[in-house]
Amino acid sequence: MTAITVTTTAKTVIIADDTAFVRERFATALLSAGHAALTVKSAAELLARVRADLDRIDLIVLDLRLPHAGGVELVRSLRKIDGGRLPVLVFSGTIATAEEVRELASLGVAGYVNEYSAVQHILPSLAPHLFPDNFNRRGSPRVVLGIPVAYRFGNTIAAALTLNLSKGGLAIRTMSPLPQGAKLRARFRLPGSKRDIEADSRIAWSDRRVGMGLQFEKVDPVDQAAIDEFVDQHFFTNRKV
């Protein structure tokens, strides 16, 4: 059984956060995978770095509350420099309102990532944006979540842990991913819930080093509402004031 593997081409990522702990953890994860990490701690440093290294930057991971020039206006300033060409991820804990999410979407922000993700989850959360040709990216915010999931593929039943959950699917950590396009039925239970959710799904991306992404194709409306509510509630937790 073959899987779609992500190319090993080294990428250059800017990590912009005013907290050293966050910068260092993300930089360490990137460096350990052979990528280059450029760390900055202020809006002025970020904009200067983008101006100087625009042609070599592949991704920006951004704290929306950088000192002195944060918020959506910072992303607008970035777009004046890059013309909208660079993928930008925003640390989800720095989002203040749903209105900001809408404004960021209009500026072409690629997605959101939890700045407090466990180290082993950092690369899987960045990979769809570093290697977009290998992944079918889901549009809704993702919540990093490690819960048991069972899935049936033909006559085979397997179990694993999730990496993250969105309204449209979930990512699973496994060293034996199914091929892209395969159909399966997944079963999992949201934290705090007393009932299982079952979802007919399709493999949207597959990578032996990371796992695989499931795109939901058929979910009971009650279960979909529970997923939507869970993602909305947890996406805005632990945000900076």
C-alpha atoms as a PDB file:
ATOM      1  CA  MET A   1       0.000   0.000   0.000  1.00  0.00           C
ATOM      2  CA  THR A   2       1.621   3.260  -1.084  1.00  0.00           C
ATOM      3  CA  ALA A   3       1.242   6.693   0.430  1.00  0.00           C
ATOM      4  CA  ILE A   4       1.789  10.204  -0.812  1.00  0.00           C
ATOM      5  CA  THR A   5       4.941  11.451   0.884  1.00  0.00           C
ATOM      6  CA  VAL A   6       5.884  15.054   1.446  1.00  0.00           C
ATOM      7  CA  THR A   7       8.977  16.255  -0.347  1.00  0.00           C
ATOM      8  CA  THR A   8      11.983  16.815   1.909  1.00  0.00           C
ATOM      9  CA  THR A   9      12.887  20.185   0.350  1.00  0.00           C
ATOM     10  CA  ALA A  10      14.076  22.514   3.117  1.00  0.00           C
ATOM     11  CA  LYS A  11      11.844  25.511   3.798  1.00  0.00           C
ATOM     12  CA  THR A  12      12.421  28.850   5.511  1.00  0.00           C
ATOM     13  CA  VAL A  13       9.900  29.885   8.166  1.00  0.00           C
ATOM     14  CA  ILE A  14       9.597  33.087  10.178  1.00  0.00           C
ATOM     15  CA  ILE A  15       8.382  32.584  13.747  1.00  0.00           C
ATOM     16  CA  ALA A  16       7.090  35.928  15.041  1.00  0.00           C
ATOM     17  CA  ASP A  17       6.160  35.885  18.729  1.00  0.00           C
ATOM     18  CA  ASP A  18       7.095  38.028  21.714  1.00  0.00           C
ATOM     19  CA  THR A  19       7.396  34.955  23.947  1.00  0.00           C
ATOM     20  CA  ALA A  20      10.809  33.266  23.841  1.00  0.00           C
ATOM     21  CA  PHE A  21       9.344  29.897  24.843  1.00  0.00           C
ATOM     22  CA  VAL A  22       7.072  29.825  21.791  1.00  0.00           C
ATOM     23  CA  ARG A  23       9.769  31.021  19.390  1.00  0.00           C
ATOM     24  CA  GLU A  24      12.280  28.459  20.634  1.00  0.00           C
ATOM     25  CA  ARG A  25       9.913  25.481  20.543  1.00  0.00           C
ATOM     26  CA  PHE A  26       8.748  26.150  16.996  1.00  0.00           C
ATOM     27  CA  ALA A  27      12.292  26.901  15.823  1.00  0.00           C
ATOM     28  CA  THR A  28      13.586  23.685  17.395  1.00  0.00           C
ATOM     29  CA  ALA A  29      10.886  21.608  15.699  1.00  0.00           C
ATOM     30  CA  LEU A  30      11.679  23.165  12.315  1.00  0.00           C
ATOM     31  CA  LEU A  31      15.444  22.882  12.675  1.00  0.00           C
ATOM     32  CA  SER A  32      15.209  19.236  13.735  1.00  0.00           C
ATOM     33  CA  ALA A  33      13.382  18.523  10.458  1.00  0.00           C
ATOM     34  CA  GLY A  34      16.053  20.254   8.375  1.00  0.00           C
ATOM     35  CA  HIS A  35      14.231  23.543   7.805  1.00  0.00           C
ATOM     36  CA  ALA A  36      15.447  27.101   8.499  1.00  0.00           C
ATOM     37  CA  ALA A  37      13.756  29.107  11.252  1.00  0.00           C
ATOM     38  CA  LEU A  38      14.021  32.902  11.488  1.00  0.00           C
ATOM     39  CA  THR A  39      12.758  34.191  14.849  1.00  0.00           C
ATOM     40  CA  VAL A  40      11.571  37.733  15.554  1.00  0.00           C
ATOM     41  CA  LYS A  41       9.897  39.244  18.611  1.00  0.00           C
ATOM     42  CA  SER A  42       8.399  42.529  17.397  1.00  0.00           C
ATOM     43  CA  ALA A  43       6.387  43.892  14.492  1.00  0.00           C
ATOM     44  CA  ALA A  44       9.275  46.100  13.381  1.00  0.00           C
ATOM     45  CA  GLU A  45      11.639  43.104  13.268  1.00  0.00           C
ATOM     46  CA  LEU A  46       9.085  41.063  11.343  1.00  0.00           C
ATOM     47  CA  LEU A  47       8.474  43.671   8.660  1.00  0.00           C
ATOM     48  CA  ALA A  48      12.194  44.351   8.281  1.00  0.00           C
ATOM     49  CA  ARG A  49      12.910  40.636   7.916  1.00  0.00           C
ATOM     50  CA  VAL A  50      10.213  40.190   5.287  1.00  0.00           C
ATOM     51  CA  ARG A  51      11.552  43.146   3.294  1.00  0.00           C
ATOM     52  CA  ALA A  52      15.103  41.782   3.463  1.00  0.00           C
ATOM     53  CA  ASP A  53      14.361  38.109   2.785  1.00  0.00           C
ATOM     54  CA  LEU A  54      11.103  38.082   0.829  1.00  0.00           C
ATOM     55  CA  ASP A  55      12.406  35.784  -1.897  1.00  0.00           C
ATOM     56  CA  ARG A  56      13.575  33.079   0.506  1.00  0.00           C
ATOM     57  CA  ILE A  57      10.642  32.984   2.934  1.00  0.00           C
ATOM     58  CA  ASP A  58       8.170  30.102   2.567  1.00  0.00           C
ATOM     59  CA  LEU A  59       5.880  30.650   5.565  1.00  0.00           C
ATOM     60  CA  ILE A  60       5.206  33.162   8.353  1.00  0.00           C
ATOM     61  CA  VAL A  61       3.831  31.981  11.696  1.00  0.00           C
ATOM     62  CA  LEU A  62       2.530  35.049  13.473  1.00  0.00           C
ATOM     63  CA  ASP A  63       1.588  36.250  16.931  1.00  0.00           C
ATOM     64  CA  LEU A  64      -1.201  38.725  16.220  1.00  0.00           C
ATOM     65  CA  ARG A  65      -0.414  40.608  19.436  1.00  0.00           C
ATOM     66  CA  LEU A  66       3.187  41.632  18.773  1.00  0.00           C
ATOM     67  CA  PRO A  67       4.182  44.783  20.704  1.00  0.00           C
ATOM     68  CA  HIS A  68       3.321  48.216  19.280  1.00  0.00           C
ATOM     69  CA  ALA A  69       1.787  47.146  15.957  1.00  0.00           C
ATOM     70  CA  GLY A  70      -0.357  44.062  16.403  1.00  0.00           C
ATOM     71  CA  GLY A  71      -3.759  42.953  15.188  1.00  0.00           C
ATOM     72  CA  VAL A  72      -5.150  42.792  11.687  1.00  0.00           C
ATOM     73  CA  GLU A  73      -3.262  45.967  10.744  1.00  0.00           C
ATOM     74  CA  LEU A  74       0.008  44.051  11.061  1.00  0.00           C
ATOM     75  CA  VAL A  75      -1.184  41.546   8.466  1.00  0.00           C
ATOM     76  CA  ARG A  76      -2.226  44.434   6.217  1.00  0.00           C
ATOM     77  CA  SER A  77       1.310  45.831   6.535  1.00  0.00           C
ATOM     78  CA  LEU A  78       2.721  42.445   5.586  1.00  0.00           C
ATOM     79  CA  ARG A  79       0.494  42.275   2.521  1.00  0.00           C
ATOM     80  CA  LYS A  80       1.760  45.675   1.340  1.00  0.00           C
ATOM     81  CA  ILE A  81       5.252  44.166   1.273  1.00  0.00           C
ATOM     82  CA  ASP A  82       4.591  40.698  -0.113  1.00  0.00           C
ATOM     83  CA  GLY A  83       1.598  41.455  -2.348  1.00  0.00           C
ATOM     84  CA  GLY A  84      -0.278  38.530  -0.805  1.00  0.00           C
ATOM     85  CA  ARG A  85       2.184  35.907  -1.998  1.00  0.00           C
ATOM     86  CA  LEU A  86       3.375  34.485   1.358  1.00  0.00           C
ATOM     87  CA  PRO A  87       1.307  31.979   3.343  1.00  0.00           C
ATOM     88  CA  VAL A  88       0.638  33.322   6.834  1.00  0.00           C
ATOM     89  CA  LEU A  89      -0.454  31.259   9.833  1.00  0.00           C
ATOM     90  CA  VAL A  90      -1.722  33.014  12.956  1.00  0.00           C
ATOM     91  CA  PHE A  91      -1.289  31.666  16.483  1.00  0.00           C
ATOM     92  CA  SER A  92      -4.871  30.880  17.465  1.00  0.00           C
ATOM     93  CA  GLY A  93      -4.422  32.041  21.059  1.00  0.00           C
ATOM     94  CA  THR A  94      -3.793  35.587  19.826  1.00  0.00           C
ATOM     95  CA  ILE A  95      -7.153  35.918  18.070  1.00  0.00           C
ATOM     96  CA  ALA A  96      -9.509  38.211  19.973  1.00  0.00           C
ATOM     97  CA  THR A  97     -12.810  38.079  18.079  1.00  0.00           C
ATOM     98  CA  ALA A  98     -14.701  36.305  15.328  1.00  0.00           C
ATOM     99  CA  GLU A  99     -14.593  39.580  13.382  1.00  0.00           C
ATOM    100  CA  GLU A 100     -10.799  39.316  13.301  1.00  0.00           C
ATOM    101  CA  VAL A 101     -11.133  35.829  11.810  1.00  0.00           C
ATOM    102  CA  ARG A 102     -13.286  37.246   9.009  1.00  0.00           C
ATOM    103  CA  GLU A 103     -10.865  40.115   8.359  1.00  0.00           C
ATOM    104  CA  LEU A 104      -7.870  37.774   8.326  1.00  0.00           C
ATOM    105  CA  ALA A 105      -9.641  35.513   5.853  1.00  0.00           C
ATOM    106  CA  SER A 106     -10.143  38.491   3.544  1.00  0.00           C
ATOM    107  CA  LEU A 107      -6.374  39.121   3.735  1.00  0.00           C
ATOM    108  CA  GLY A 108      -5.626  35.573   2.671  1.00  0.00           C
ATOM    109  CA  VAL A 109      -4.411  34.183   5.999  1.00  0.00           C
ATOM    110  CA  ALA A 110      -3.810  30.479   5.369  1.00  0.00           C
ATOM    111  CA  GLY A 111      -4.897  29.150   8.757  1.00  0.00           C
ATOM    112  CA  TYR A 112      -4.295  28.970  12.479  1.00  0.00           C
ATOM    113  CA  VAL A 113      -2.002  27.002  14.747  1.00  0.00           C
ATOM    114  CA  ASN A 114      -1.963  26.531  18.515  1.00  0.00           C
ATOM    115  CA  GLU A 115       1.164  28.135  19.978  1.00  0.00           C
ATOM    116  CA  TYR A 116       1.007  25.700  22.894  1.00  0.00           C
ATOM    117  CA  SER A 117       0.970  22.572  20.731  1.00  0.00           C
ATOM    118  CA  ALA A 118       3.112  19.695  21.961  1.00  0.00           C
ATOM    119  CA  VAL A 119       6.461  19.648  20.165  1.00  0.00           C
ATOM    120  CA  GLN A 120       5.585  16.458  18.258  1.00  0.00           C
ATOM    121  CA  HIS A 121       2.498  18.181  16.834  1.00  0.00           C
ATOM    122  CA  ILE A 122       4.235  21.300  15.509  1.00  0.00           C
ATOM    123  CA  LEU A 123       5.560  19.871  12.233  1.00  0.00           C
ATOM    124  CA  PRO A 124       2.292  18.075  11.376  1.00  0.00           C
ATOM    125  CA  SER A 125       0.395  21.334  11.886  1.00  0.00           C
ATOM    126  CA  LEU A 126       2.787  23.289   9.632  1.00  0.00           C
ATOM    127  CA  ALA A 127       3.294  20.638   6.936  1.00  0.00           C
ATOM    128  CA  PRO A 128       0.064  21.349   4.965  1.00  0.00           C
ATOM    129  CA  HIS A 129       1.198  24.971   4.588  1.00  0.00           C
ATOM    130  CA  LEU A 130       4.849  24.208   3.861  1.00  0.00           C
ATOM    131  CA  PHE A 131       3.923  21.596   1.236  1.00  0.00           C
ATOM    132  CA  PRO A 132       0.449  22.618  -0.011  1.00  0.00           C
ATOM    133  CA  ASP A 133       0.649  20.463  -3.144  1.00  0.00           C
ATOM    134  CA  ASN A 134       0.678  17.339  -0.976  1.00  0.00           C
ATOM    135  CA  PHE A 135      -2.292  18.227   1.193  1.00  0.00           C
ATOM    136  CA  ASN A 136      -5.943  19.027   0.769  1.00  0.00           C
ATOM    137  CA  ARG A 137      -6.223  21.812   3.340  1.00  0.00           C
ATOM    138  CA  ARG A 138      -9.416  22.276   5.315  1.00  0.00           C
ATOM    139  CA  GLY A 139     -10.781  25.763   5.558  1.00  0.00           C
ATOM    140  CA  SER A 140     -12.007  25.901   9.150  1.00  0.00           C
ATOM    141  CA  PRO A 141      -9.791  26.435  12.199  1.00  0.00           C
ATOM    142  CA  ARG A 142      -8.134  23.332  13.637  1.00  0.00           C
ATOM    143  CA  VAL A 143      -8.022  22.414  17.305  1.00  0.00           C
ATOM    144  CA  VAL A 144      -5.010  20.378  18.393  1.00  0.00           C
ATOM    145  CA  LEU A 145      -6.543  17.344  20.042  1.00  0.00           C
ATOM    146  CA  GLY A 146      -5.166  13.931  21.013  1.00  0.00           C
ATOM    147  CA  ILE A 147      -8.136  11.595  21.435  1.00  0.00           C
ATOM    148  CA  PRO A 148      -8.554   7.923  20.453  1.00  0.00           C
ATOM    149  CA  VAL A 149     -10.098   7.273  17.053  1.00  0.00           C
ATOM    150  CA  ALA A 150     -11.055   3.921  15.513  1.00  0.00           C
ATOM    151  CA  TYR A 151     -11.485   3.530  11.792  1.00  0.00           C
ATOM    152  CA  ARG A 152     -12.704   0.775   9.491  1.00  0.00           C
ATOM    153  CA  PHE A 153     -11.222   0.309   6.017  1.00  0.00           C
ATOM    154  CA  GLY A 154     -12.797  -2.642   4.240  1.00  0.00           C
ATOM    155  CA  ASN A 155     -12.557  -5.538   6.689  1.00  0.00           C
ATOM    156  CA  THR A 156      -9.727  -3.928   8.660  1.00  0.00           C
ATOM    157  CA  ILE A 157     -10.269  -2.044  11.905  1.00  0.00           C
ATOM    158  CA  ALA A 158      -7.452   0.117  13.303  1.00  0.00           C
ATOM    159  CA  ALA A 159      -7.008   2.560  16.183  1.00  0.00           C
ATOM    160  CA  ALA A 160      -4.854   5.653  16.577  1.00  0.00           C
ATOM    161  CA  LEU A 161      -4.780   9.117  18.151  1.00  0.00           C
ATOM    162  CA  THR A 162      -5.929  12.320  16.511  1.00  0.00           C
ATOM    163  CA  LEU A 163      -3.566  15.223  15.827  1.00  0.00           C
ATOM    164  CA  ASN A 164      -6.199  17.884  15.305  1.00  0.00           C
ATOM    165  CA  LEU A 165      -9.871  18.385  14.573  1.00  0.00           C
ATOM    166  CA  SER A 166     -11.703  20.850  12.350  1.00  0.00           C
ATOM    167  CA  LYS A 167     -15.346  21.184  11.387  1.00  0.00           C
ATOM    168  CA  GLY A 168     -14.606  19.364   8.148  1.00  0.00           C
ATOM    169  CA  GLY A 169     -12.316  16.559   9.230  1.00  0.00           C
ATOM    170  CA  LEU A 170      -9.493  15.397  11.447  1.00  0.00           C
ATOM    171  CA  ALA A 171      -5.842  14.419  11.227  1.00  0.00           C
ATOM    172  CA  ILE A 172      -4.584  11.108  12.618  1.00  0.00           C
ATOM    173  CA  ARG A 173      -1.104  10.186  13.788  1.00  0.00           C
ATOM    174  CA  THR A 174      -0.132   6.830  12.254  1.00  0.00           C
ATOM    175  CA  MET A 175       2.963   5.287  10.684  1.00  0.00           C
ATOM    176  CA  SER A 176       0.748   3.226   8.342  1.00  0.00           C
ATOM    177  CA  PRO A 177      -1.469   5.778   6.585  1.00  0.00           C
ATOM    178  CA  LEU A 178      -3.978   4.722   3.979  1.00  0.00           C
ATOM    179  CA  PRO A 179      -3.585   5.949   0.389  1.00  0.00           C
ATOM    180  CA  GLN A 180      -5.017   9.296  -0.628  1.00  0.00           C
ATOM    181  CA  GLY A 181      -8.606   8.954  -1.826  1.00  0.00           C
ATOM    182  CA  ALA A 182      -9.383   5.844   0.227  1.00  0.00           C
ATOM    183  CA  LYS A 183     -12.789   5.751   1.953  1.00  0.00           C
ATOM    184  CA  LEU A 184     -13.244   4.744   5.585  1.00  0.00           C
ATOM    185  CA  ARG A 185     -15.579   5.085   8.547  1.00  0.00           C
ATOM    186  CA  ALA A 186     -14.160   6.795  11.631  1.00  0.00           C
ATOM    187  CA  ARG A 187     -15.469   6.666  15.182  1.00  0.00           C
ATOM    188  CA  PHE A 188     -14.394   8.977  18.006  1.00  0.00           C
ATOM    189  CA  ARG A 189     -15.748  10.697  21.098  1.00  0.00           C
ATOM    190  CA  LEU A 190     -15.289  14.378  21.878  1.00  0.00           C
ATOM    191  CA  PRO A 191     -13.897  15.197  25.337  1.00  0.00           C
ATOM    192  CA  GLY A 192     -16.738  15.502  27.847  1.00  0.00           C
ATOM    193  CA  SER A 193     -19.237  13.734  25.591  1.00  0.00           C
ATOM    194  CA  LYS A 194     -20.975  10.444  26.386  1.00  0.00           C
ATOM    195  CA  ARG A 195     -21.686   9.414  22.801  1.00  0.00           C
ATOM    196  CA  ASP A 196     -19.533   8.329  19.894  1.00  0.00           C
ATOM    197  CA  ILE A 197     -19.437  10.210  16.620  1.00  0.00           C
ATOM    198  CA  GLU A 198     -19.242   8.210  13.404  1.00  0.00           C
ATOM    199  CA  ALA A 199     -18.213   9.812  10.129  1.00  0.00           C
ATOM    200  CA  ASP A 200     -17.874   8.438   6.617  1.00  0.00           C
ATOM    201  CA  SER A 201     -14.623   9.980   5.438  1.00  0.00           C
ATOM    202  CA  ARG A 202     -12.139  10.219   2.595  1.00  0.00           C
ATOM    203  CA  ILE A 203      -8.336  10.345   2.942  1.00  0.00           C
ATOM    204  CA  ALA A 204      -7.452  13.885   1.840  1.00  0.00           C
ATOM    205  CA  TRP A 205      -3.696  13.591   2.436  1.00  0.00           C
ATOM    206  CA  SER A 206      -1.310  10.828   3.458  1.00  0.00           C
ATOM    207  CA  ASP A 207       2.284  11.016   4.684  1.00  0.00           C
ATOM    208  CA  ARG A 208       4.258   8.156   6.282  1.00  0.00           C
ATOM    209  CA  ARG A 209       6.155  10.540   8.558  1.00  0.00           C
ATOM    210  CA  VAL A 210       3.072  12.354   9.856  1.00  0.00           C
ATOM    211  CA  GLY A 211      -0.109  10.361   9.406  1.00  0.00           C
ATOM    212  CA  MET A 212      -3.196  11.099   7.351  1.00  0.00           C
ATOM    213  CA  GLY A 213      -5.992  13.625   7.047  1.00  0.00           C
ATOM    214  CA  LEU A 214      -9.652  12.610   6.958  1.00  0.00           C
ATOM    215  CA  GLN A 215     -12.214  14.758   5.204  1.00  0.00           C
ATOM    216  CA  PHE A 216     -15.730  14.134   6.510  1.00  0.00           C
ATOM    217  CA  GLU A 217     -18.209  13.185   3.781  1.00  0.00           C
ATOM    218  CA  LYS A 218     -21.219  12.069   5.811  1.00  0.00           C
ATOM    219  CA  VAL A 219     -21.892  12.957   9.454  1.00  0.00           C
ATOM    220  CA  ASP A 220     -25.159  12.909  11.357  1.00  0.00           C
ATOM    221  CA  PRO A 221     -26.389  16.537  11.665  1.00  0.00           C
ATOM    222  CA  VAL A 222     -26.490  16.285  15.473  1.00  0.00           C
ATOM    223  CA  ASP A 223     -22.885  15.059  15.530  1.00  0.00           C
ATOM    224  CA  GLN A 224     -21.784  17.751  13.076  1.00  0.00           C
ATOM    225  CA  ALA A 225     -23.339  20.384  15.328  1.00  0.00           C
ATOM    226  CA  ALA A 226     -21.398  18.953  18.287  1.00  0.00           C
ATOM    227  CA  ILE A 227     -18.151  19.100  16.304  1.00  0.00           C
ATOM    228  CA  ASP A 228     -18.834  22.676  15.203  1.00  0.00           C
ATOM    229  CA  GLU A 229     -19.575  23.772  18.758  1.00  0.00           C
ATOM    230  CA  PHE A 230     -16.462  22.051  20.118  1.00  0.00           C
ATOM    231  CA  VAL A 231     -14.168  23.695  17.534  1.00  0.00           C
ATOM    232  CA  ASP A 232     -15.725  27.132  18.088  1.00  0.00           C
ATOM    233  CA  GLN A 233     -15.386  26.867  21.873  1.00  0.00           C
ATOM    234  CA  HIS A 234     -11.801  25.630  21.928  1.00  0.00           C
ATOM    235  CA  PHE A 235     -10.406  27.730  19.101  1.00  0.00           C
ATOM    236  CA  PHE A 236     -10.595  30.875  21.219  1.00  0.00           C
ATOM    237  CA  THR A 237      -9.280  29.396  24.478  1.00  0.00           C
ATOM    238  CA  ASN A 238      -5.977  30.518  26.008  1.00  0.00           C
ATOM    239  CA  ARG A 239      -5.851  33.612  23.858  1.00  0.00           C
ATOM    240  CA  LYS A 240      -3.658  36.550  24.851  1.00  0.00           C
ATOM    241  CA  VAL A 241      -5.310  39.584  26.385  1.00  0.00           C
END
